[in-house]
PDB file of all heavy atoms in Angstrom:
ATOM      1  N   ARG A   1     254.306  31.486 190.978  1.00  0.00           N
ATOM      2  CA  ARG A   1     254.961  30.647 191.982  1.00  0.00           C
ATOM      3  C   ARG A   1     254.353  29.250 192.042  1.00  0.00           C
ATOM      4  O   ARG A   1     255.039  28.275 192.382  1.00  0.00           O
ATOM      5  CB  ARG A   1     254.871  31.309 193.357  1.00  0.00           C
ATOM      6  CG  ARG A   1     255.708  30.619 194.422  1.00  0.00           C
ATOM      7  CD  ARG A   1     255.669  31.367 195.721  1.00  0.00           C
ATOM      8  NE  ARG A   1     254.329  31.330 196.321  1.00  0.00           N
ATOM      9  CZ  ARG A   1     253.973  32.065 197.366  1.00  0.00           C
ATOM     10  NH1 ARG A   1     254.833  32.920 197.905  1.00  0.00           N
ATOM     11  NH2 ARG A   1     252.747  31.971 197.875  1.00  0.00           N
ATOM     12  N   LYS A   2     253.073  29.127 191.708  1.00  0.00           N
ATOM     13  CA  LYS A   2     252.423  27.814 191.763  1.00  0.00           C
ATOM     14  C   LYS A   2     253.045  26.820 190.787  1.00  0.00           C
ATOM     15  O   LYS A   2     252.892  25.610 190.939  1.00  0.00           O
ATOM     16  CB  LYS A   2     250.927  27.962 191.472  1.00  0.00           C
ATOM     17  CG  LYS A   2     250.154  28.708 192.556  1.00  0.00           C
ATOM     18  CD  LYS A   2     248.681  28.792 192.221  1.00  0.00           C
ATOM     19  CE  LYS A   2     247.906  29.529 193.309  1.00  0.00           C
ATOM     20  NZ  LYS A   2     246.454  29.634 192.983  1.00  0.00           N
ATOM     21  N   MET A   3     253.739  27.344 189.772  1.00  0.00           N
ATOM     22  CA  MET A   3     254.370  26.485 188.779  1.00  0.00           C
ATOM     23  C   MET A   3     255.863  26.301 189.025  1.00  0.00           C
ATOM     24  O   MET A   3     256.550  25.608 188.263  1.00  0.00           O
ATOM     25  CB  MET A   3     254.145  27.073 187.379  1.00  0.00           C
ATOM     26  CG  MET A   3     252.682  27.191 186.985  1.00  0.00           C
ATOM     27  SD  MET A   3     252.454  28.098 185.437  1.00  0.00           S
ATOM     28  CE  MET A   3     253.341  27.049 184.289  1.00  0.00           C
ATOM     29  N   MET A   4     256.383  26.915 190.087  1.00  0.00           N
ATOM     30  CA  MET A   4     257.816  26.899 190.349  1.00  0.00           C
ATOM     31  C   MET A   4     258.179  25.864 191.415  1.00  0.00           C
ATOM     32  O   MET A   4     257.452  25.687 192.397  1.00  0.00           O
ATOM     33  CB  MET A   4     258.294  28.275 190.825  1.00  0.00           C
ATOM     34  CG  MET A   4     258.091  29.409 189.819  1.00  0.00           C
ATOM     35  SD  MET A   4     259.112  29.225 188.338  1.00  0.00           S
ATOM     36  CE  MET A   4     257.846  28.805 187.133  1.00  0.00           C
ATOM     37  N   TYR A   5     259.302  25.214 191.212  1.00  0.00           N
ATOM     38  CA  TYR A   5     259.824  24.237 192.168  1.00  0.00           C
ATOM     39  C   TYR A   5     261.311  24.504 192.372  1.00  0.00           C
ATOM     40  O   TYR A   5     261.990  25.026 191.480  1.00  0.00           O
ATOM     41  CB  TYR A   5     259.640  22.813 191.657  1.00  0.00           C
ATOM     42  CG  TYR A   5     258.200  22.386 191.547  1.00  0.00           C
ATOM     43  CD1 TYR A   5     257.434  22.728 190.430  1.00  0.00           C
ATOM     44  CD2 TYR A   5     257.587  21.649 192.554  1.00  0.00           C
ATOM     45  CE1 TYR A   5     256.105  22.357 190.325  1.00  0.00           C
ATOM     46  CE2 TYR A   5     256.257  21.259 192.468  1.00  0.00           C
ATOM     47  CZ  TYR A   5     255.533  21.614 191.342  1.00  0.00           C
ATOM     48  OH  TYR A   5     254.207  21.246 191.235  1.00  0.00           O
ATOM     49  N   GLN A   6     261.798  24.121 193.535  1.00  0.00           N
ATOM     50  CA  GLN A   6     263.221  24.196 193.816  1.00  0.00           C
ATOM     51  C   GLN A   6     263.819  22.805 193.631  1.00  0.00           C
ATOM     52  O   GLN A   6     263.358  21.836 194.216  1.00  0.00           O
ATOM     53  CB  GLN A   6     263.467  24.670 195.252  1.00  0.00           C
ATOM     54  CG  GLN A   6     262.997  26.085 195.510  1.00  0.00           C
ATOM     55  CD  GLN A   6     263.010  26.426 196.992  1.00  0.00           C
ATOM     56  OE1 GLN A   6     262.053  26.985 197.527  1.00  0.00           O
ATOM     57  NE2 GLN A   6     264.095  26.071 197.679  1.00  0.00           N
ATOM     58  N   GLY A   7     264.857  22.737 192.792  1.00  0.00           N
ATOM     59  CA  GLY A   7     265.477  21.459 192.525  1.00  0.00           C
ATOM     60  C   GLY A   7     266.392  21.010 193.653  1.00  0.00           C
ATOM     61  O   GLY A   7     267.102  21.823 194.253  1.00  0.00           O
ATOM     62  N   GLN A   8     266.340  19.740 193.942  1.00  0.00           N
ATOM     63  CA  GLN A   8     267.261  19.131 194.893  1.00  0.00           C
ATOM     64  C   GLN A   8     267.998  18.005 194.148  1.00  0.00           C
ATOM     65  O   GLN A   8     268.114  18.032 192.940  1.00  0.00           O
ATOM     66  CB  GLN A   8     266.491  18.568 196.096  1.00  0.00           C
ATOM     67  CG  GLN A   8     265.721  19.603 196.903  1.00  0.00           C
ATOM     68  CD  GLN A   8     265.040  19.006 198.143  1.00  0.00           C
ATOM     69  OE1 GLN A   8     264.776  17.820 198.224  1.00  0.00           O
ATOM     70  NE2 GLN A   8     264.776  19.880 199.111  1.00  0.00           N
ATOM     71  N   THR A   9     268.539  17.087 194.876  1.00  0.00           N
ATOM     72  CA  THR A   9     268.973  15.809 194.322  1.00  0.00           C
ATOM     73  C   THR A   9     268.471  14.747 195.281  1.00  0.00           C
ATOM     74  O   THR A   9     268.181  15.066 196.435  1.00  0.00           O
ATOM     75  CB  THR A   9     270.519  15.696 194.172  1.00  0.00           C
ATOM     76  OG1 THR A   9     271.157  15.781 195.441  1.00  0.00           O
ATOM     77  CG2 THR A   9     271.057  16.764 193.241  1.00  0.00           C
ATOM     78  N   PRO A  10     268.310  13.510 194.802  1.00  0.00           N
ATOM     79  CA  PRO A  10     268.866  12.911 193.592  1.00  0.00           C
ATOM     80  C   PRO A  10     268.153  13.353 192.307  1.00  0.00           C
ATOM     81  O   PRO A  10     267.020  13.798 192.329  1.00  0.00           O
ATOM     82  CB  PRO A  10     268.642  11.404 193.805  1.00  0.00           C
ATOM     83  CG  PRO A  10     268.267  11.221 195.219  1.00  0.00           C
ATOM     84  CD  PRO A  10     267.640  12.488 195.636  1.00  0.00           C
ATOM     85  N   GLN A  11     268.908  13.179 191.228  1.00  0.00           N
ATOM     86  CA  GLN A  11     268.365  13.149 189.883  1.00  0.00           C
ATOM     87  C   GLN A  11     268.727  11.773 189.340  1.00  0.00           C
ATOM     88  O   GLN A  11     269.890  11.371 189.421  1.00  0.00           O
ATOM     89  CB  GLN A  11     268.969  14.246 189.013  1.00  0.00           C
ATOM     90  CG  GLN A  11     268.597  15.644 189.477  1.00  0.00           C
ATOM     91  CD  GLN A  11     269.227  16.707 188.602  1.00  0.00           C
ATOM     92  OE1 GLN A  11     270.313  16.509 188.052  1.00  0.00           O
ATOM     93  NE2 GLN A  11     268.559  17.838 188.473  1.00  0.00           N
ATOM     94  N   SER A  12     267.745  11.075 188.818  1.00  0.00           N
ATOM     95  CA  SER A  12     267.983   9.679 188.443  1.00  0.00           C
ATOM     96  C   SER A  12     267.568   9.417 187.006  1.00  0.00           C
ATOM     97  O   SER A  12     266.627  10.030 186.500  1.00  0.00           O
ATOM     98  CB  SER A  12     267.233   8.747 189.399  1.00  0.00           C
ATOM     99  OG  SER A  12     267.648   8.982 190.736  1.00  0.00           O
ATOM    100  N   PHE A  13     268.286   8.466 186.364  1.00  0.00           N
ATOM    101  CA  PHE A  13     268.126   8.283 184.925  1.00  0.00           C
ATOM    102  C   PHE A  13     268.327   6.833 184.515  1.00  0.00           C
ATOM    103  O   PHE A  13     269.047   6.077 185.178  1.00  0.00           O
ATOM    104  CB  PHE A  13     269.167   9.131 184.174  1.00  0.00           C
ATOM    105  CG  PHE A  13     269.238  10.552 184.629  1.00  0.00           C
ATOM    106  CD1 PHE A  13     270.162  10.937 185.595  1.00  0.00           C
ATOM    107  CD2 PHE A  13     268.366  11.499 184.127  1.00  0.00           C
ATOM    108  CE1 PHE A  13     270.230  12.247 186.039  1.00  0.00           C
ATOM    109  CE2 PHE A  13     268.419  12.816 184.562  1.00  0.00           C
ATOM    110  CZ  PHE A  13     269.356  13.195 185.522  1.00  0.00           C
ATOM    111  N   ASN A  14     267.712   6.493 183.399  1.00  0.00           N
ATOM    112  CA  ASN A  14     268.109   5.295 182.678  1.00  0.00           C
ATOM    113  C   ASN A  14     269.539   5.571 182.195  1.00  0.00           C
ATOM    114  O   ASN A  14     269.786   6.526 181.461  1.00  0.00           O
ATOM    115  CB  ASN A  14     267.172   5.062 181.499  1.00  0.00           C
ATOM    116  CG  ASN A  14     267.590   3.909 180.624  1.00  0.00           C
ATOM    117  OD1 ASN A  14     268.639   3.938 180.006  1.00  0.00           O
ATOM    118  ND2 ASN A  14     266.748   2.905 180.543  1.00  0.00           N
ATOM    119  N   ALA A  15     270.497   4.756 182.627  1.00  0.00           N
ATOM    120  CA  ALA A  15     271.908   5.055 182.391  1.00  0.00           C
ATOM    121  C   ALA A  15     272.256   5.129 180.905  1.00  0.00           C
ATOM    122  O   ALA A  15     272.998   6.029 180.469  1.00  0.00           O
ATOM    123  CB  ALA A  15     272.784   4.017 183.081  1.00  0.00           C
ATOM    124  N   MET A  16     271.737   4.207 180.112  1.00  0.00           N
ATOM    125  CA  MET A  16     272.064   4.201 178.687  1.00  0.00           C
ATOM    126  C   MET A  16     271.439   5.397 177.981  1.00  0.00           C
ATOM    127  O   MET A  16     272.055   6.008 177.096  1.00  0.00           O
ATOM    128  CB  MET A  16     271.604   2.892 178.056  1.00  0.00           C
ATOM    129  CG  MET A  16     272.385   1.683 178.556  1.00  0.00           C
ATOM    130  SD  MET A  16     271.955   0.131 177.720  1.00  0.00           S
ATOM    131  CE  MET A  16     272.683   0.407 176.106  1.00  0.00           C
ATOM    132  N   LYS A  17     270.234   5.755 178.387  1.00  0.00           N
ATOM    133  CA  LYS A  17     269.584   6.922 177.784  1.00  0.00           C
ATOM    134  C   LYS A  17     270.318   8.202 178.167  1.00  0.00           C
ATOM    135  O   LYS A  17     270.480   9.108 177.335  1.00  0.00           O
ATOM    136  CB  LYS A  17     268.121   6.997 178.232  1.00  0.00           C
ATOM    137  CG  LYS A  17     267.303   8.027 177.458  1.00  0.00           C
ATOM    138  CD  LYS A  17     265.831   7.902 177.798  1.00  0.00           C
ATOM    139  CE  LYS A  17     265.001   8.860 176.946  1.00  0.00           C
ATOM    140  NZ  LYS A  17     263.544   8.746 177.230  1.00  0.00           N
ATOM    141  N   LEU A  18     270.781   8.287 179.413  1.00  0.00           N
ATOM    142  CA  LEU A  18     271.546   9.455 179.841  1.00  0.00           C
ATOM    143  C   LEU A  18     272.791   9.612 178.985  1.00  0.00           C
ATOM    144  O   LEU A  18     273.108  10.719 178.534  1.00  0.00           O
ATOM    145  CB  LEU A  18     271.932   9.312 181.314  1.00  0.00           C
ATOM    146  CG  LEU A  18     272.862  10.390 181.873  1.00  0.00           C
ATOM    147  CD1 LEU A  18     272.214  11.765 181.818  1.00  0.00           C
ATOM    148  CD2 LEU A  18     273.275  10.056 183.310  1.00  0.00           C
ATOM    149  N   LYS A  19     273.499   8.531 178.751  1.00  0.00           N
ATOM    150  CA  LYS A  19     274.712   8.607 177.927  1.00  0.00           C
ATOM    151  C   LYS A  19     274.374   9.050 176.514  1.00  0.00           C
ATOM    152  O   LYS A  19     275.064   9.908 175.943  1.00  0.00           O
ATOM    153  CB  LYS A  19     275.429   7.258 177.904  1.00  0.00           C
ATOM    154  CG  LYS A  19     276.655   7.257 176.973  1.00  0.00           C
ATOM    155  CD  LYS A  19     277.430   5.989 177.036  1.00  0.00           C
ATOM    156  CE  LYS A  19     278.503   5.920 175.932  1.00  0.00           C
ATOM    157  NZ  LYS A  19     279.360   7.133 175.877  1.00  0.00           N
ATOM    158  N   ARG A  20     273.317   8.481 175.930  1.00  0.00           N
ATOM    159  CA  ARG A  20     272.946   8.866 174.567  1.00  0.00           C
ATOM    160  C   ARG A  20     272.580  10.340 174.501  1.00  0.00           C
ATOM    161  O   ARG A  20     272.988  11.060 173.575  1.00  0.00           O
ATOM    162  CB  ARG A  20     271.768   8.011 174.073  1.00  0.00           C
ATOM    163  CG  ARG A  20     272.116   6.564 173.782  1.00  0.00           C
ATOM    164  CD  ARG A  20     271.029   5.883 172.970  1.00  0.00           C
ATOM    165  NE  ARG A  20     269.763   5.820 173.678  1.00  0.00           N
ATOM    166  CZ  ARG A  20     269.395   4.792 174.447  1.00  0.00           C
ATOM    167  NH1 ARG A  20     270.199   3.754 174.594  1.00  0.00           N
ATOM    168  NH2 ARG A  20     268.217   4.788 175.050  1.00  0.00           N
ATOM    169  N   MET A  21     271.815  10.808 175.486  1.00  0.00           N
ATOM    170  CA  MET A  21     271.409  12.210 175.504  1.00  0.00           C
ATOM    171  C   MET A  21     272.626  13.128 175.655  1.00  0.00           C
ATOM    172  O   MET A  21     272.753  14.140 174.965  1.00  0.00           O
ATOM    173  CB  MET A  21     270.433  12.469 176.653  1.00  0.00           C
ATOM    174  CG  MET A  21     269.066  11.820 176.532  1.00  0.00           C
ATOM    175  SD  MET A  21     268.023  12.527 175.233  1.00  0.00           S
ATOM    176  CE  MET A  21     268.231  11.257 173.989  1.00  0.00           C
ATOM    177  N   TYR A  22     273.518  12.771 176.573  1.00  0.00           N
ATOM    178  CA  TYR A  22     274.687  13.623 176.818  1.00  0.00           C
ATOM    179  C   TYR A  22     275.599  13.666 175.589  1.00  0.00           C
ATOM    180  O   TYR A  22     276.080  14.737 175.196  1.00  0.00           O
ATOM    181  CB  TYR A  22     275.469  13.131 178.035  1.00  0.00           C
ATOM    182  CG  TYR A  22     276.551  14.103 178.465  1.00  0.00           C
ATOM    183  CD1 TYR A  22     276.233  15.217 179.243  1.00  0.00           C
ATOM    184  CD2 TYR A  22     277.867  13.931 178.077  1.00  0.00           C
ATOM    185  CE1 TYR A  22     277.212  16.131 179.611  1.00  0.00           C
ATOM    186  CE2 TYR A  22     278.851  14.833 178.444  1.00  0.00           C
ATOM    187  CZ  TYR A  22     278.515  15.929 179.216  1.00  0.00           C
ATOM    188  OH  TYR A  22     279.493  16.839 179.565  1.00  0.00           O
ATOM    189  N   ASP A  23     275.816  12.525 174.981  1.00  0.00           N
ATOM    190  CA  ASP A  23     276.685  12.474 173.795  1.00  0.00           C
ATOM    191  C   ASP A  23     276.113  13.254 172.623  1.00  0.00           C
ATOM    192  O   ASP A  23     276.857  13.681 171.736  1.00  0.00           O
ATOM    193  CB  ASP A  23     276.923  11.016 173.371  1.00  0.00           C
ATOM    194  CG  ASP A  23     277.828  10.263 174.336  1.00  0.00           C
ATOM    195  OD1 ASP A  23     278.491  10.919 175.158  1.00  0.00           O
ATOM    196  OD2 ASP A  23     277.860   9.018 174.265  1.00  0.00           O
ATOM    197  N   SER A  24     274.798  13.461 172.629  1.00  0.00           N
ATOM    198  CA  SER A  24     274.159  14.158 171.514  1.00  0.00           C
ATOM    199  C   SER A  24     274.189  15.681 171.679  1.00  0.00           C
ATOM    200  O   SER A  24     273.827  16.414 170.753  1.00  0.00           O
ATOM    201  CB  SER A  24     272.711  13.693 171.352  1.00  0.00           C
ATOM    202  OG  SER A  24     271.895  14.180 172.414  1.00  0.00           O
ATOM    203  N   LEU A  25     274.611  16.157 172.854  1.00  0.00           N
ATOM    204  CA  LEU A  25     274.645  17.601 173.097  1.00  0.00           C
ATOM    205  C   LEU A  25     275.770  18.281 172.316  1.00  0.00           C
ATOM    206  O   LEU A  25     276.861  17.729 172.170  1.00  0.00           O
ATOM    207  CB  LEU A  25     274.853  17.890 174.588  1.00  0.00           C
ATOM    208  CG  LEU A  25     273.751  17.483 175.567  1.00  0.00           C
ATOM    209  CD1 LEU A  25     274.210  17.762 176.995  1.00  0.00           C
ATOM    210  CD2 LEU A  25     272.448  18.220 175.276  1.00  0.00           C
ATOM    211  N   SER A  26     275.489  19.484 171.855  1.00  0.00           N
ATOM    212  CA  SER A  26     276.544  20.298 171.256  1.00  0.00           C
ATOM    213  C   SER A  26     277.368  20.938 172.372  1.00  0.00           C
ATOM    214  O   SER A  26     276.966  20.947 173.540  1.00  0.00           O
ATOM    215  CB  SER A  26     275.931  21.391 170.375  1.00  0.00           C
ATOM    216  OG  SER A  26     275.215  22.328 171.189  1.00  0.00           O
ATOM    217  N   ASP A  27     278.511  21.511 172.021  1.00  0.00           N
ATOM    218  CA  ASP A  27     279.338  22.194 173.025  1.00  0.00           C
ATOM    219  C   ASP A  27     278.578  23.357 173.647  1.00  0.00           C
ATOM    220  O   ASP A  27     278.686  23.606 174.858  1.00  0.00           O
ATOM    221  CB  ASP A  27     280.643  22.693 172.395  1.00  0.00           C
ATOM    222  CG  ASP A  27     281.592  21.552 172.048  1.00  0.00           C
ATOM    223  OD1 ASP A  27     281.438  20.458 172.625  1.00  0.00           O
ATOM    224  OD2 ASP A  27     282.482  21.760 171.197  1.00  0.00           O
ATOM    225  N   ASP A  28     277.796  24.076 172.838  1.00  0.00           N
ATOM    226  CA  ASP A  28     277.016  25.206 173.359  1.00  0.00           C
ATOM    227  C   ASP A  28     275.958  24.710 174.344  1.00  0.00           C
ATOM    228  O   ASP A  28     275.696  25.365 175.364  1.00  0.00           O
ATOM    229  CB  ASP A  28     276.344  25.970 172.216  1.00  0.00           C
ATOM    230  CG  ASP A  28     277.349  26.774 171.400  1.00  0.00           C
ATOM    231  OD1 ASP A  28     278.450  27.038 171.913  1.00  0.00           O
ATOM    232  OD2 ASP A  28     277.022  27.139 170.257  1.00  0.00           O
ATOM    233  N   GLU A  29     275.340  23.581 174.045  1.00  0.00           N
ATOM    234  CA  GLU A  29     274.329  23.034 174.949  1.00  0.00           C
ATOM    235  C   GLU A  29     274.971  22.577 176.256  1.00  0.00           C
ATOM    236  O   GLU A  29     274.405  22.764 177.341  1.00  0.00           O
ATOM    237  CB  GLU A  29     273.600  21.878 174.269  1.00  0.00           C
ATOM    238  CG  GLU A  29     272.643  22.329 173.174  1.00  0.00           C
ATOM    239  CD  GLU A  29     272.066  21.176 172.391  1.00  0.00           C
ATOM    240  OE1 GLU A  29     272.720  20.108 172.283  1.00  0.00           O
ATOM    241  OE2 GLU A  29     270.936  21.316 171.865  1.00  0.00           O
ATOM    242  N   LYS A  30     276.153  22.000 176.175  1.00  0.00           N
ATOM    243  CA  LYS A  30     276.852  21.574 177.390  1.00  0.00           C
ATOM    244  C   LYS A  30     277.214  22.777 178.263  1.00  0.00           C
ATOM    245  O   LYS A  30     277.209  22.690 179.488  1.00  0.00           O
ATOM    246  CB  LYS A  30     278.104  20.780 177.042  1.00  0.00           C
ATOM    247  CG  LYS A  30     277.820  19.396 176.479  1.00  0.00           C
ATOM    248  CD  LYS A  30     279.096  18.639 176.131  1.00  0.00           C
ATOM    249  CE  LYS A  30     278.783  17.265 175.560  1.00  0.00           C
ATOM    250  NZ  LYS A  30     280.010  16.519 175.188  1.00  0.00           N
ATOM    251  N   ASP A  31     277.505  23.899 177.619  1.00  0.00           N
ATOM    252  CA  ASP A  31     277.901  25.098 178.362  1.00  0.00           C
ATOM    253  C   ASP A  31     276.773  25.654 179.222  1.00  0.00           C
ATOM    254  O   ASP A  31     277.036  26.338 180.224  1.00  0.00           O
ATOM    255  CB  ASP A  31     278.393  26.193 177.407  1.00  0.00           C
ATOM    256  CG  ASP A  31     279.781  25.903 176.854  1.00  0.00           C
ATOM    257  OD1 ASP A  31     280.488  25.065 177.443  1.00  0.00           O
ATOM    258  OD2 ASP A  31     280.145  26.502 175.823  1.00  0.00           O
ATOM    259  N   ILE A  32     275.527  25.393 178.861  1.00  0.00           N
ATOM    260  CA  ILE A  32     274.412  25.951 179.626  1.00  0.00           C
ATOM    261  C   ILE A  32     273.824  24.955 180.616  1.00  0.00           C
ATOM    262  O   ILE A  32     272.830  25.240 181.271  1.00  0.00           O
ATOM    263  CB  ILE A  32     273.285  26.466 178.690  1.00  0.00           C
ATOM    264  CG1 ILE A  32     272.666  25.307 177.885  1.00  0.00           C
ATOM    265  CG2 ILE A  32     273.801  27.572 177.778  1.00  0.00           C
ATOM    266  CD1 ILE A  32     271.424  25.720 177.107  1.00  0.00           C
ATOM    267  N   LEU A  33     274.457  23.798 180.740  1.00  0.00           N
ATOM    268  CA  LEU A  33     273.964  22.808 181.695  1.00  0.00           C
ATOM    269  C   LEU A  33     274.199  23.268 183.123  1.00  0.00           C
ATOM    270  O   LEU A  33     275.277  23.737 183.467  1.00  0.00           O
ATOM    271  CB  LEU A  33     274.670  21.460 181.503  1.00  0.00           C
ATOM    272  CG  LEU A  33     274.269  20.601 180.306  1.00  0.00           C
ATOM    273  CD1 LEU A  33     275.021  19.279 180.364  1.00  0.00           C
ATOM    274  CD2 LEU A  33     272.777  20.356 180.281  1.00  0.00           C
ATOM    275  N   THR A  34     273.175  23.140 183.949  1.00  0.00           N
ATOM    276  CA  THR A  34     273.324  23.387 185.384  1.00  0.00           C
ATOM    277  C   THR A  34     273.174  22.097 186.176  1.00  0.00           C
ATOM    278  O   THR A  34     273.622  22.011 187.318  1.00  0.00           O
ATOM    279  CB  THR A  34     272.274  24.402 185.880  1.00  0.00           C
ATOM    280  OG1 THR A  34     270.967  23.963 185.459  1.00  0.00           O
ATOM    281  CG2 THR A  34     272.558  25.785 185.317  1.00  0.00           C
ATOM    282  N   ASP A  35     272.547  21.112 185.566  1.00  0.00           N
ATOM    283  CA  ASP A  35     272.425  19.794 186.186  1.00  0.00           C
ATOM    284  C   ASP A  35     272.061  18.778 185.112  1.00  0.00           C
ATOM    285  O   ASP A  35     271.789  19.125 183.973  1.00  0.00           O
ATOM    286  CB  ASP A  35     271.398  19.798 187.326  1.00  0.00           C
ATOM    287  CG  ASP A  35     270.018  20.228 186.867  1.00  0.00           C
ATOM    288  OD1 ASP A  35     269.563  19.758 185.804  1.00  0.00           O
ATOM    289  OD2 ASP A  35     269.379  21.031 187.567  1.00  0.00           O
TER     290      ASP A  35
END
């Protein structure tokens, strides 16, 4: 439990890096996204 955290929002990103990362995902990788 000491290593566990509960996720909230916001989640924040460098916008251009987020786009590059998302575009690089395979369909299978997109299917397992939770956030």
